[in-house]
N, C-alpha and C. Protein backbone atom coordinates (compact mmCIF):
# COMPACT_ATOMS: atom_id res chain seq x y z
N UNK A 1 151.63 -67.59 252.92
CA UNK A 1 150.31 -67.98 252.25
C UNK A 1 150.47 -67.72 250.83
N UNK A 2 151.24 -66.61 250.31
CA UNK A 2 151.34 -66.46 248.83
C UNK A 2 152.05 -67.69 248.22
N UNK A 3 153.22 -68.13 248.90
CA UNK A 3 153.97 -69.20 248.24
C UNK A 3 153.08 -70.53 248.24
N UNK A 4 152.35 -70.72 249.33
CA UNK A 4 151.47 -71.88 249.27
C UNK A 4 150.27 -71.81 248.19
N UNK A 5 149.84 -70.60 248.02
CA UNK A 5 148.79 -70.31 247.04
C UNK A 5 149.32 -70.67 245.61
N UNK A 6 150.49 -70.06 245.33
CA UNK A 6 151.15 -70.29 243.98
C UNK A 6 151.46 -71.75 243.75
N UNK A 7 152.03 -72.38 244.75
CA UNK A 7 152.33 -73.73 244.55
C UNK A 7 151.07 -74.68 244.36
N UNK A 8 150.05 -74.32 245.11
CA UNK A 8 148.69 -74.99 244.94
C UNK A 8 148.16 -74.81 243.62
N UNK A 9 148.21 -73.56 243.15
CA UNK A 9 147.64 -73.31 241.83
C UNK A 9 148.31 -74.00 240.74
N UNK A 10 149.78 -74.00 240.75
CA UNK A 10 150.55 -74.63 239.75
C UNK A 10 150.44 -76.09 239.74
N UNK A 11 150.28 -76.74 241.09
CA UNK A 11 150.15 -78.06 241.20
C UNK A 11 148.84 -78.53 240.63
N UNK A 12 147.87 -77.88 240.89
CA UNK A 12 146.41 -78.25 240.41
C UNK A 12 146.50 -78.21 238.98
N UNK A 13 147.07 -77.17 238.27
CA UNK A 13 147.01 -77.11 236.86
C UNK A 13 147.82 -78.22 236.21
N UNK A 14 149.05 -78.40 236.71
CA UNK A 14 149.85 -79.54 236.20
C UNK A 14 149.23 -80.90 236.47
N UNK A 15 148.61 -81.04 237.56
CA UNK A 15 147.82 -82.25 237.94
C UNK A 15 146.63 -82.49 236.98
N UNK A 16 146.01 -81.46 236.67
CA UNK A 16 144.79 -81.62 235.73
C UNK A 16 145.37 -81.99 234.38
N UNK A 17 146.36 -81.39 233.99
CA UNK A 17 146.99 -81.77 232.57
C UNK A 17 147.45 -83.23 232.55
N UNK A 18 148.12 -83.58 233.62
CA UNK A 18 148.61 -84.95 233.70
C UNK A 18 147.51 -85.96 233.58
N UNK A 19 146.33 -85.74 234.37
CA UNK A 19 145.19 -86.60 234.33
C UNK A 19 144.56 -86.69 232.94
N UNK A 20 144.60 -85.48 232.36
CA UNK A 20 143.71 -85.41 230.98
C UNK A 20 144.59 -86.07 229.83
N UNK A 21 145.81 -85.79 229.83
CA UNK A 21 146.68 -86.05 228.63
C UNK A 21 147.67 -87.16 228.85
N UNK A 22 147.66 -87.94 229.87
CA UNK A 22 148.53 -89.09 230.05
C UNK A 22 147.75 -90.32 230.42
N UNK A 23 148.51 -91.45 230.37
CA UNK A 23 147.81 -92.71 230.59
C UNK A 23 148.75 -93.40 231.62
N UNK A 24 148.09 -94.14 232.45
CA UNK A 24 148.82 -94.90 233.49
C UNK A 24 149.60 -96.06 233.00
N UNK A 25 149.31 -96.40 231.71
CA UNK A 25 149.89 -97.66 231.07
C UNK A 25 151.35 -97.25 230.47
N UNK A 26 151.57 -96.00 230.23
CA UNK A 26 152.77 -95.60 229.54
C UNK A 26 153.19 -94.19 229.90
N UNK A 27 154.42 -93.99 229.73
CA UNK A 27 155.01 -92.60 230.02
C UNK A 27 154.55 -91.68 228.94
N UNK A 28 154.53 -90.33 229.15
CA UNK A 28 154.19 -89.49 228.15
C UNK A 28 155.12 -89.51 226.91
N UNK A 29 154.68 -89.46 225.75
CA UNK A 29 155.54 -89.60 224.50
C UNK A 29 155.73 -88.27 223.78
N UNK A 30 155.00 -87.27 224.07
CA UNK A 30 155.14 -85.86 223.35
C UNK A 30 155.43 -84.88 224.45
N UNK A 31 156.01 -83.76 223.91
CA UNK A 31 156.31 -82.55 224.78
C UNK A 31 157.01 -82.92 226.13
N UNK A 32 158.00 -83.73 225.87
CA UNK A 32 158.80 -84.24 227.07
C UNK A 32 159.46 -83.10 227.81
N UNK A 33 159.89 -82.08 227.07
CA UNK A 33 160.61 -81.00 227.72
C UNK A 33 159.72 -80.35 228.71
N UNK A 34 158.39 -80.20 228.23
CA UNK A 34 157.48 -79.48 229.08
C UNK A 34 157.27 -80.29 230.38
N UNK A 35 157.01 -81.73 230.15
CA UNK A 35 156.86 -82.51 231.40
C UNK A 35 158.13 -82.48 232.35
N UNK A 36 159.27 -82.46 231.79
CA UNK A 36 160.40 -82.39 232.63
C UNK A 36 160.60 -81.11 233.41
N UNK A 37 160.37 -79.94 232.64
CA UNK A 37 160.50 -78.70 233.15
C UNK A 37 159.46 -78.48 234.19
N UNK A 38 158.26 -78.88 234.01
CA UNK A 38 157.19 -78.74 235.01
C UNK A 38 157.46 -79.55 236.30
N UNK A 39 158.07 -80.84 236.08
CA UNK A 39 158.30 -81.59 237.18
C UNK A 39 159.48 -81.00 238.03
N UNK A 40 160.36 -80.50 237.35
CA UNK A 40 161.47 -79.77 238.06
C UNK A 40 161.04 -78.53 238.83
N UNK A 41 160.17 -77.81 238.13
CA UNK A 41 159.59 -76.62 238.78
C UNK A 41 158.89 -76.90 239.96
N UNK A 42 158.05 -77.96 240.03
CA UNK A 42 157.22 -78.39 241.17
C UNK A 42 158.21 -78.88 242.31
N UNK A 43 159.23 -79.61 241.90
CA UNK A 43 160.17 -80.13 242.88
C UNK A 43 160.77 -78.97 243.65
N UNK A 44 161.33 -77.98 242.90
CA UNK A 44 161.91 -76.75 243.51
C UNK A 44 160.99 -76.13 244.42
N UNK A 45 159.71 -75.85 244.03
CA UNK A 45 158.76 -75.19 244.80
C UNK A 45 158.50 -75.96 246.07
N UNK A 46 158.20 -77.26 246.05
CA UNK A 46 157.86 -78.01 247.20
C UNK A 46 159.07 -78.27 248.10
N UNK A 47 160.22 -78.26 247.61
CA UNK A 47 161.45 -78.33 248.38
C UNK A 47 161.63 -77.04 249.23
N UNK A 48 161.33 -75.96 248.54
CA UNK A 48 161.51 -74.70 249.09
C UNK A 48 160.45 -74.68 250.43
N UNK A 49 159.21 -75.04 250.03
CA UNK A 49 158.21 -74.96 251.00
C UNK A 49 158.48 -75.84 252.19
N UNK A 50 158.94 -77.02 251.95
CA UNK A 50 159.26 -78.01 253.00
C UNK A 50 160.50 -77.41 253.79
N UNK A 51 161.47 -76.86 253.19
CA UNK A 51 162.61 -76.34 253.93
C UNK A 51 162.23 -75.21 254.85
N UNK A 52 161.25 -74.35 254.37
CA UNK A 52 160.79 -73.27 255.16
C UNK A 52 160.08 -73.72 256.47
N UNK A 53 159.20 -74.79 256.19
CA UNK A 53 158.50 -75.30 257.34
C UNK A 53 159.33 -75.98 258.30
N UNK A 54 160.37 -76.65 257.76
CA UNK A 54 161.35 -77.48 258.64
C UNK A 54 162.18 -76.46 259.48
N UNK A 55 162.56 -75.48 258.97
CA UNK A 55 163.36 -74.43 259.71
C UNK A 55 162.46 -73.75 260.82
N UNK A 56 161.27 -73.49 260.46
CA UNK A 56 160.30 -72.83 261.47
C UNK A 56 160.03 -73.95 262.53
N UNK A 57 159.90 -75.16 262.23
CA UNK A 57 159.59 -76.24 263.19
C UNK A 57 160.76 -76.39 264.21
N UNK A 58 161.99 -76.36 263.60
CA UNK A 58 163.22 -76.49 264.35
C UNK A 58 163.32 -75.35 265.34
N UNK A 59 163.04 -74.05 264.89
CA UNK A 59 163.18 -72.89 265.71
C UNK A 59 162.06 -73.07 266.85
N UNK A 60 160.90 -73.46 266.47
CA UNK A 60 159.91 -73.67 267.57
C UNK A 60 160.30 -74.66 268.53
N UNK A 61 160.93 -75.92 268.13
CA UNK A 61 161.32 -76.92 268.92
C UNK A 61 162.49 -76.41 269.87
N UNK A 62 163.45 -75.64 269.31
CA UNK A 62 164.41 -75.10 270.11
C UNK A 62 163.99 -74.08 271.21
N UNK A 63 162.88 -73.27 270.81
CA UNK A 63 162.23 -72.51 271.92
C UNK A 63 161.58 -73.12 273.00
N UNK A 64 160.95 -74.28 272.47
CA UNK A 64 160.19 -75.04 273.61
C UNK A 64 161.02 -75.87 274.55
N UNK A 65 162.20 -76.46 274.05
CA UNK A 65 162.99 -77.20 274.87
C UNK A 65 164.19 -76.40 275.46
N UNK A 66 164.27 -75.18 274.96
CA UNK A 66 165.34 -74.28 275.50
C UNK A 66 166.71 -74.52 274.84
N UNK A 67 166.85 -75.08 273.67
CA UNK A 67 167.98 -75.41 272.96
C UNK A 67 168.34 -74.34 271.91
N UNK A 68 169.54 -74.00 271.84
CA UNK A 68 170.05 -72.98 270.84
C UNK A 68 169.82 -73.37 269.47
N UNK A 69 169.20 -72.58 268.60
CA UNK A 69 168.93 -72.91 267.23
C UNK A 69 170.11 -73.24 266.43
N UNK A 70 171.37 -72.69 266.79
CA UNK A 70 172.54 -73.07 266.18
C UNK A 70 172.93 -74.59 266.28
N UNK A 71 172.60 -75.11 267.47
CA UNK A 71 172.84 -76.53 267.65
C UNK A 71 171.92 -77.38 266.80
N UNK A 72 170.70 -76.94 266.76
CA UNK A 72 169.74 -77.66 265.93
C UNK A 72 170.20 -77.59 264.48
N UNK A 73 170.60 -76.44 264.02
CA UNK A 73 171.01 -76.42 262.59
C UNK A 73 172.30 -77.09 262.32
N UNK A 74 173.26 -77.25 263.33
CA UNK A 74 174.51 -78.06 263.07
C UNK A 74 174.19 -79.43 263.06
N UNK A 75 173.21 -80.00 263.76
CA UNK A 75 172.93 -81.35 263.97
C UNK A 75 171.77 -81.91 263.21
N UNK A 76 170.52 -81.69 263.74
CA UNK A 76 169.34 -82.20 263.10
C UNK A 76 169.07 -81.63 261.65
N UNK A 77 169.23 -80.43 261.45
CA UNK A 77 168.89 -79.81 260.13
C UNK A 77 169.95 -80.24 259.13
N UNK A 78 171.25 -80.13 259.53
CA UNK A 78 172.36 -80.54 258.61
C UNK A 78 172.30 -82.07 258.24
N UNK A 79 172.18 -82.86 259.31
CA UNK A 79 171.99 -84.34 259.11
C UNK A 79 170.78 -84.74 258.17
N UNK A 80 169.66 -84.09 258.48
CA UNK A 80 168.42 -84.38 257.80
C UNK A 80 168.57 -83.89 256.39
N UNK A 81 169.17 -82.87 256.16
CA UNK A 81 169.29 -82.36 254.78
C UNK A 81 170.29 -83.24 253.88
N UNK A 82 171.23 -83.95 254.57
CA UNK A 82 172.19 -84.66 253.87
C UNK A 82 171.94 -86.16 253.89
N UNK A 83 170.86 -86.64 254.57
CA UNK A 83 170.54 -88.02 254.73
C UNK A 83 170.12 -88.65 253.34
N UNK A 84 169.38 -87.87 252.55
CA UNK A 84 169.10 -88.55 251.26
C UNK A 84 170.29 -88.73 250.46
N UNK A 85 171.20 -87.73 250.31
CA UNK A 85 172.41 -87.95 249.58
C UNK A 85 173.24 -89.03 250.20
N UNK A 86 173.32 -89.18 251.47
CA UNK A 86 174.14 -90.16 252.01
C UNK A 86 173.58 -91.53 251.65
N UNK A 87 172.33 -91.72 251.72
CA UNK A 87 171.68 -92.97 251.55
C UNK A 87 171.97 -93.44 249.97
N UNK A 88 171.79 -92.56 249.03
CA UNK A 88 171.88 -92.82 247.75
C UNK A 88 173.28 -92.98 247.34
N UNK A 89 174.21 -92.30 247.89
CA UNK A 89 175.65 -92.41 247.61
C UNK A 89 176.23 -93.75 248.02
N UNK A 90 175.82 -94.14 249.34
CA UNK A 90 176.23 -95.42 249.89
C UNK A 90 175.67 -96.60 248.99
N UNK A 91 174.44 -96.52 248.61
CA UNK A 91 173.83 -97.65 247.83
C UNK A 91 174.48 -97.67 246.50
N UNK A 92 174.71 -96.63 245.84
CA UNK A 92 175.44 -96.53 244.62
C UNK A 92 176.76 -97.07 244.63
N UNK A 93 177.51 -96.74 245.74
CA UNK A 93 178.85 -97.23 245.88
C UNK A 93 178.92 -98.78 246.06
N UNK A 94 178.04 -99.31 246.78
CA UNK A 94 178.03 -100.70 247.28
C UNK A 94 177.49 -101.61 246.02
N UNK A 95 176.56 -101.11 245.27
CA UNK A 95 175.99 -102.02 244.25
C UNK A 95 176.31 -101.78 242.81
N UNK A 96 177.00 -100.53 242.54
CA UNK A 96 177.23 -100.22 241.13
C UNK A 96 178.67 -100.27 240.78
N UNK A 97 179.48 -100.89 241.56
CA UNK A 97 180.90 -101.05 241.35
C UNK A 97 181.73 -99.69 241.19
N UNK A 98 182.81 -99.72 240.49
CA UNK A 98 183.63 -98.59 240.39
C UNK A 98 182.85 -97.34 239.76
N UNK A 99 182.11 -97.53 238.83
CA UNK A 99 181.29 -96.47 238.19
C UNK A 99 180.43 -95.81 239.31
N UNK A 100 179.77 -96.54 240.04
CA UNK A 100 178.93 -96.03 241.18
C UNK A 100 179.67 -95.21 242.08
N UNK A 101 180.85 -95.76 242.46
CA UNK A 101 181.69 -95.03 243.50
C UNK A 101 182.11 -93.64 242.88
N UNK A 102 182.53 -93.64 241.54
CA UNK A 102 182.84 -92.39 240.95
C UNK A 102 181.78 -91.46 240.90
N UNK A 103 180.63 -91.89 240.55
CA UNK A 103 179.34 -91.01 240.51
C UNK A 103 179.13 -90.53 241.98
N UNK A 104 179.21 -91.35 242.90
CA UNK A 104 178.86 -90.91 244.39
C UNK A 104 179.85 -89.85 244.75
N UNK A 105 181.21 -90.10 244.49
CA UNK A 105 182.19 -89.09 245.05
C UNK A 105 182.06 -87.81 244.31
N UNK A 106 181.72 -87.85 242.94
CA UNK A 106 181.58 -86.70 242.07
C UNK A 106 180.31 -85.92 242.75
N UNK A 107 179.23 -86.61 243.07
CA UNK A 107 178.13 -85.91 243.65
C UNK A 107 178.36 -85.26 244.95
N UNK A 108 179.18 -85.92 245.74
CA UNK A 108 179.52 -85.35 247.10
C UNK A 108 180.12 -84.00 246.98
N UNK A 109 181.02 -83.70 245.93
CA UNK A 109 181.69 -82.64 245.77
C UNK A 109 180.93 -81.61 244.89
N UNK A 110 180.22 -82.18 243.86
CA UNK A 110 179.46 -81.26 242.97
C UNK A 110 178.29 -80.53 243.55
N UNK A 111 177.64 -81.27 244.54
CA UNK A 111 176.52 -80.57 245.20
C UNK A 111 176.90 -79.30 246.00
N UNK A 112 177.87 -79.38 246.92
CA UNK A 112 178.41 -78.13 247.54
C UNK A 112 178.95 -77.16 246.60
N UNK A 113 179.61 -77.49 245.53
CA UNK A 113 180.11 -76.55 244.69
C UNK A 113 178.98 -75.81 243.94
N UNK A 114 178.03 -76.46 243.66
CA UNK A 114 176.78 -75.83 242.95
C UNK A 114 176.23 -74.90 243.92
N UNK A 115 175.98 -75.39 245.24
CA UNK A 115 175.35 -74.53 246.29
C UNK A 115 176.11 -73.15 246.50
N UNK A 116 177.56 -73.33 246.60
CA UNK A 116 178.42 -72.25 246.85
C UNK A 116 178.40 -71.24 245.69
N UNK A 117 178.67 -71.73 244.50
CA UNK A 117 178.88 -70.79 243.31
C UNK A 117 177.39 -70.37 242.82
N UNK A 118 176.51 -71.27 242.63
CA UNK A 118 175.19 -70.80 242.01
C UNK A 118 174.33 -70.24 243.12
N UNK A 119 174.20 -70.99 244.30
CA UNK A 119 173.30 -70.39 245.27
C UNK A 119 173.78 -69.02 245.84
N UNK A 120 175.11 -68.97 246.29
CA UNK A 120 175.62 -67.70 246.80
C UNK A 120 175.68 -66.66 245.62
N UNK A 121 176.07 -67.15 244.38
CA UNK A 121 176.08 -66.19 243.30
C UNK A 121 174.87 -65.48 243.10
N UNK A 122 173.70 -66.21 242.96
CA UNK A 122 172.37 -65.63 242.70
C UNK A 122 171.89 -64.84 243.87
N UNK A 123 172.34 -65.26 245.07
CA UNK A 123 171.82 -64.49 246.33
C UNK A 123 172.61 -63.11 246.43
N UNK A 124 173.88 -63.13 246.03
CA UNK A 124 174.71 -61.78 246.02
C UNK A 124 174.14 -60.97 244.88
N UNK A 125 173.98 -61.46 243.75
CA UNK A 125 173.43 -60.65 242.60
C UNK A 125 172.11 -60.01 243.03
N UNK A 126 171.26 -60.70 243.58
CA UNK A 126 169.96 -60.17 243.99
C UNK A 126 170.12 -59.05 245.13
N UNK A 127 171.01 -59.39 246.03
CA UNK A 127 171.24 -58.46 247.20
C UNK A 127 171.87 -57.15 246.62
N UNK A 128 172.87 -57.29 245.87
CA UNK A 128 173.55 -56.18 245.21
C UNK A 128 172.65 -55.35 244.36
N UNK A 129 171.70 -56.10 243.63
CA UNK A 129 170.83 -55.38 242.76
C UNK A 129 169.84 -54.54 243.45
N UNK A 130 169.45 -55.10 244.61
CA UNK A 130 168.42 -54.46 245.41
C UNK A 130 168.94 -53.25 246.17
N UNK A 131 170.35 -53.21 246.39
CA UNK A 131 170.94 -52.09 247.06
C UNK A 131 171.57 -51.03 246.15
N UNK A 132 171.60 -51.45 244.88
CA UNK A 132 172.35 -50.64 243.83
C UNK A 132 171.77 -49.21 243.88
N UNK A 133 172.58 -48.14 243.84
CA UNK A 133 174.16 -48.19 243.63
C UNK A 133 174.98 -48.24 244.87
N UNK A 134 174.37 -48.47 246.02
CA UNK A 134 175.12 -48.53 247.23
C UNK A 134 175.73 -49.90 247.38
N UNK A 135 176.98 -50.05 247.66
CA UNK A 135 177.58 -51.36 247.73
C UNK A 135 177.01 -52.29 248.83
N UNK A 136 176.80 -53.53 248.55
CA UNK A 136 176.28 -54.44 249.51
C UNK A 136 177.34 -54.78 250.50
N UNK A 137 177.11 -54.71 251.79
CA UNK A 137 178.05 -55.11 252.85
C UNK A 137 177.65 -56.35 253.46
N UNK A 138 178.51 -57.47 253.37
CA UNK A 138 178.26 -58.67 254.01
C UNK A 138 178.42 -58.54 255.51
N UNK A 139 177.36 -58.87 256.33
CA UNK A 139 177.55 -58.86 257.72
C UNK A 139 178.76 -59.56 258.22
N UNK A 140 179.56 -58.92 259.07
CA UNK A 140 180.66 -59.53 259.68
C UNK A 140 180.41 -60.72 260.60
N UNK A 141 181.16 -61.80 260.45
CA UNK A 141 181.01 -62.99 261.23
C UNK A 141 182.38 -63.42 261.82
N UNK A 142 182.52 -63.33 263.10
CA UNK A 142 183.94 -63.64 263.63
C UNK A 142 184.42 -65.13 263.46
N UNK A 143 183.36 -65.92 263.16
CA UNK A 143 183.75 -67.36 263.09
C UNK A 143 183.68 -67.90 261.61
N UNK A 144 183.61 -66.93 260.61
CA UNK A 144 183.64 -67.37 259.28
C UNK A 144 184.99 -68.06 258.88
N UNK A 145 186.05 -67.42 259.33
CA UNK A 145 187.36 -67.87 258.92
C UNK A 145 187.52 -69.37 259.44
N UNK A 146 186.94 -69.57 260.69
CA UNK A 146 186.99 -70.86 261.30
C UNK A 146 186.35 -71.97 260.49
N UNK A 147 185.11 -71.60 260.08
CA UNK A 147 184.33 -72.55 259.24
C UNK A 147 185.06 -72.79 257.89
N UNK A 148 185.58 -71.83 257.24
CA UNK A 148 186.22 -71.85 255.93
C UNK A 148 187.59 -72.76 256.24
N UNK A 149 188.12 -72.54 257.35
CA UNK A 149 189.39 -73.23 257.69
C UNK A 149 189.11 -74.78 257.77
N UNK A 150 188.19 -75.14 258.42
CA UNK A 150 187.75 -76.55 258.51
C UNK A 150 187.43 -77.18 257.09
N UNK A 151 186.78 -76.38 256.31
CA UNK A 151 186.48 -76.92 254.99
C UNK A 151 187.64 -77.08 254.17
N UNK A 152 188.65 -76.08 254.17
CA UNK A 152 189.83 -76.23 253.50
C UNK A 152 190.72 -77.30 253.97
N UNK A 153 190.66 -77.61 255.27
CA UNK A 153 191.35 -78.76 255.74
C UNK A 153 190.80 -80.06 255.22
N UNK A 154 189.46 -80.26 255.11
CA UNK A 154 188.91 -81.43 254.58
C UNK A 154 189.36 -81.52 253.11
N UNK A 155 189.29 -80.46 252.31
CA UNK A 155 189.59 -80.59 250.95
C UNK A 155 191.14 -80.97 250.79
N UNK A 156 191.96 -80.38 251.54
CA UNK A 156 193.34 -80.64 251.49
C UNK A 156 193.68 -82.02 251.89
N UNK A 157 193.04 -82.49 252.92
CA UNK A 157 193.15 -83.92 253.34
C UNK A 157 192.79 -84.86 252.18
N UNK A 158 191.62 -84.69 251.50
CA UNK A 158 191.33 -85.47 250.44
C UNK A 158 192.20 -85.36 249.30
N UNK A 159 192.68 -84.22 249.03
CA UNK A 159 193.66 -84.11 247.84
C UNK A 159 194.90 -84.75 248.10
N UNK A 160 195.56 -84.59 249.33
CA UNK A 160 196.70 -85.23 249.69
C UNK A 160 196.65 -86.75 249.75
N UNK A 161 195.71 -87.28 250.35
CA UNK A 161 195.54 -88.73 250.45
C UNK A 161 195.21 -89.44 249.08
N UNK A 162 194.31 -88.85 248.45
CA UNK A 162 194.16 -89.45 247.03
C UNK A 162 195.26 -89.32 246.10
N UNK A 163 196.04 -88.26 246.22
CA UNK A 163 197.18 -88.27 245.37
C UNK A 163 198.21 -89.24 245.78
N UNK A 164 198.48 -89.38 247.13
CA UNK A 164 199.45 -90.44 247.56
C UNK A 164 199.04 -91.77 247.22
N UNK A 165 197.75 -92.05 247.13
CA UNK A 165 197.29 -93.44 246.97
C UNK A 165 196.73 -93.66 245.69
N UNK A 166 197.15 -92.81 244.63
CA UNK A 166 196.76 -92.92 243.23
C UNK A 166 195.36 -93.04 243.07
N UNK A 167 194.64 -92.14 243.69
CA UNK A 167 193.18 -91.89 243.63
C UNK A 167 192.39 -93.20 244.09
N UNK A 168 192.96 -93.84 245.02
CA UNK A 168 192.12 -95.07 245.62
C UNK A 168 191.65 -94.85 246.91
N UNK A 169 190.34 -95.01 247.06
CA UNK A 169 189.71 -94.72 248.42
C UNK A 169 190.04 -95.82 249.43
N UNK A 170 190.30 -95.44 250.62
CA UNK A 170 190.54 -96.38 251.73
C UNK A 170 190.14 -95.78 253.03
N UNK A 171 190.38 -96.55 254.15
CA UNK A 171 189.97 -96.10 255.40
C UNK A 171 190.74 -94.93 255.92
N UNK A 172 191.86 -94.62 255.37
CA UNK A 172 192.75 -93.50 255.88
C UNK A 172 191.87 -92.18 255.55
N UNK A 173 191.41 -92.10 254.23
CA UNK A 173 190.68 -90.96 253.88
C UNK A 173 189.42 -90.86 254.69
N UNK A 174 188.74 -91.85 254.91
CA UNK A 174 187.36 -91.82 255.54
C UNK A 174 187.57 -91.39 257.06
N UNK A 175 188.62 -91.98 257.67
CA UNK A 175 188.83 -91.67 259.12
C UNK A 175 189.25 -90.17 259.21
N UNK A 176 190.15 -89.64 258.40
CA UNK A 176 190.56 -88.37 258.43
C UNK A 176 189.43 -87.36 258.22
N UNK A 177 188.61 -87.51 257.21
CA UNK A 177 187.48 -86.70 256.98
C UNK A 177 186.56 -86.68 258.16
N UNK A 178 186.18 -87.89 258.75
CA UNK A 178 185.32 -87.93 259.89
C UNK A 178 185.94 -87.20 261.08
N UNK A 179 187.22 -87.34 261.26
CA UNK A 179 187.89 -86.63 262.47
C UNK A 179 187.78 -85.20 262.33
N UNK A 180 187.92 -84.57 261.02
CA UNK A 180 187.84 -83.19 260.82
C UNK A 180 186.54 -82.74 261.07
N UNK A 181 185.45 -83.51 260.63
CA UNK A 181 184.10 -83.20 260.74
C UNK A 181 183.77 -83.10 262.26
N UNK A 182 184.17 -84.09 263.00
CA UNK A 182 183.73 -84.07 264.41
C UNK A 182 184.52 -83.08 265.24
N UNK A 183 185.69 -82.69 264.79
CA UNK A 183 186.36 -81.58 265.47
C UNK A 183 185.68 -80.33 265.22
N UNK A 184 185.18 -80.07 263.97
CA UNK A 184 184.42 -78.90 263.65
C UNK A 184 183.10 -78.86 264.41
N UNK A 185 182.34 -79.98 264.42
CA UNK A 185 181.11 -80.11 265.24
C UNK A 185 181.26 -79.75 266.61
N UNK A 186 182.46 -80.34 267.30
CA UNK A 186 182.69 -80.11 268.67
C UNK A 186 183.00 -78.63 269.00
N UNK A 187 183.79 -78.05 268.11
CA UNK A 187 184.14 -76.54 268.39
C UNK A 187 182.91 -75.72 268.33
N UNK A 188 182.08 -76.05 267.29
CA UNK A 188 180.78 -75.17 267.21
C UNK A 188 179.83 -75.39 268.48
N UNK A 189 179.63 -76.61 268.66
CA UNK A 189 178.66 -76.92 269.83
C UNK A 189 179.23 -76.53 271.13
N UNK A 190 180.55 -76.62 271.40
CA UNK A 190 181.11 -76.20 272.63
C UNK A 190 181.08 -74.66 272.70
N UNK A 191 181.02 -73.95 271.61
CA UNK A 191 180.95 -72.52 271.76
C UNK A 191 179.61 -72.06 272.10
N UNK A 192 178.60 -72.81 271.49
CA UNK A 192 177.20 -72.46 271.72
C UNK A 192 176.76 -72.77 273.16
N UNK A 193 177.24 -73.90 273.71
CA UNK A 193 176.86 -74.13 275.08
C UNK A 193 177.77 -73.47 276.16
N UNK A 194 178.75 -72.78 275.62
CA UNK A 194 179.57 -71.97 276.61
C UNK A 194 180.78 -72.67 277.08
N UNK A 195 181.22 -73.76 276.54
CA UNK A 195 182.54 -74.38 276.86
C UNK A 195 183.72 -73.61 276.45
N UNK A 196 183.49 -72.93 275.31
CA UNK A 196 184.56 -72.08 274.79
C UNK A 196 184.18 -70.71 274.91
N UNK A 197 185.07 -69.79 275.44
CA UNK A 197 184.76 -68.42 275.58
C UNK A 197 185.02 -67.71 274.29
N UNK A 198 183.97 -67.03 273.88
CA UNK A 198 184.03 -66.44 272.51
C UNK A 198 184.96 -65.22 272.56
N UNK A 199 185.02 -64.51 273.71
CA UNK A 199 185.89 -63.36 273.84
C UNK A 199 187.27 -63.66 273.98
N UNK A 200 187.70 -64.89 274.29
CA UNK A 200 189.11 -65.30 274.37
C UNK A 200 189.38 -65.99 273.08
N UNK A 201 188.51 -66.82 272.56
CA UNK A 201 188.93 -67.57 271.33
C UNK A 201 188.13 -66.89 270.13
N UNK A 202 188.88 -66.12 269.40
CA UNK A 202 188.28 -65.43 268.27
C UNK A 202 189.32 -65.45 267.11
N UNK A 203 189.06 -66.22 266.19
CA UNK A 203 190.08 -66.41 265.08
C UNK A 203 190.38 -65.29 264.34
N UNK A 204 189.49 -64.18 264.27
CA UNK A 204 189.89 -63.03 263.68
C UNK A 204 191.00 -62.16 264.38
N UNK A 205 191.24 -62.47 265.64
CA UNK A 205 192.42 -61.73 266.23
C UNK A 205 193.77 -62.17 265.82
N UNK A 206 193.88 -63.32 265.13
CA UNK A 206 195.12 -63.78 264.65
C UNK A 206 195.39 -63.25 263.15
N UNK A 207 194.44 -62.51 262.61
CA UNK A 207 194.56 -62.06 261.22
C UNK A 207 195.24 -60.69 261.23
């Protein structure tokens, strides 16, 4: 309720300013930084609220139908989170020529890089700051190495194929990336539903 109240108050204030100081016939001509910053702020706030509600909805749905929340996160949540990027990247690649394809490929890798370095970076800084001077201990996850391994395989596959083909995209790259992803998805879902015994298959045992 606190987040909703803050978002509603900021939205009403910015909406009132927009109604009073702008015209529907033309875009704002003054204080453009304030307009862009306020629009970015509201986008972040509403994205956060939407994500929170979506996660709660998926957890409720998993409880109702008896499905493990991990499966919902690996499928519906992950696909829904990436559907907008997928649509925009495909449209840009098909209609904007080589420049569009370059922008789409850059966006595909720049987004995860931003999430990993900036998202995890800020999260760890806040967590370490809250526990200071006690060191912050990351909870152990026996399947972390497995997830990182699939990610490294995808990056290495793209690096090798693009280098061999002089940075030209073709079906070999696409088929290989899709095969790696579906193998990752199969292993995760199979473990959740019990097809793979966690006590037998533990990647940390090999380290």
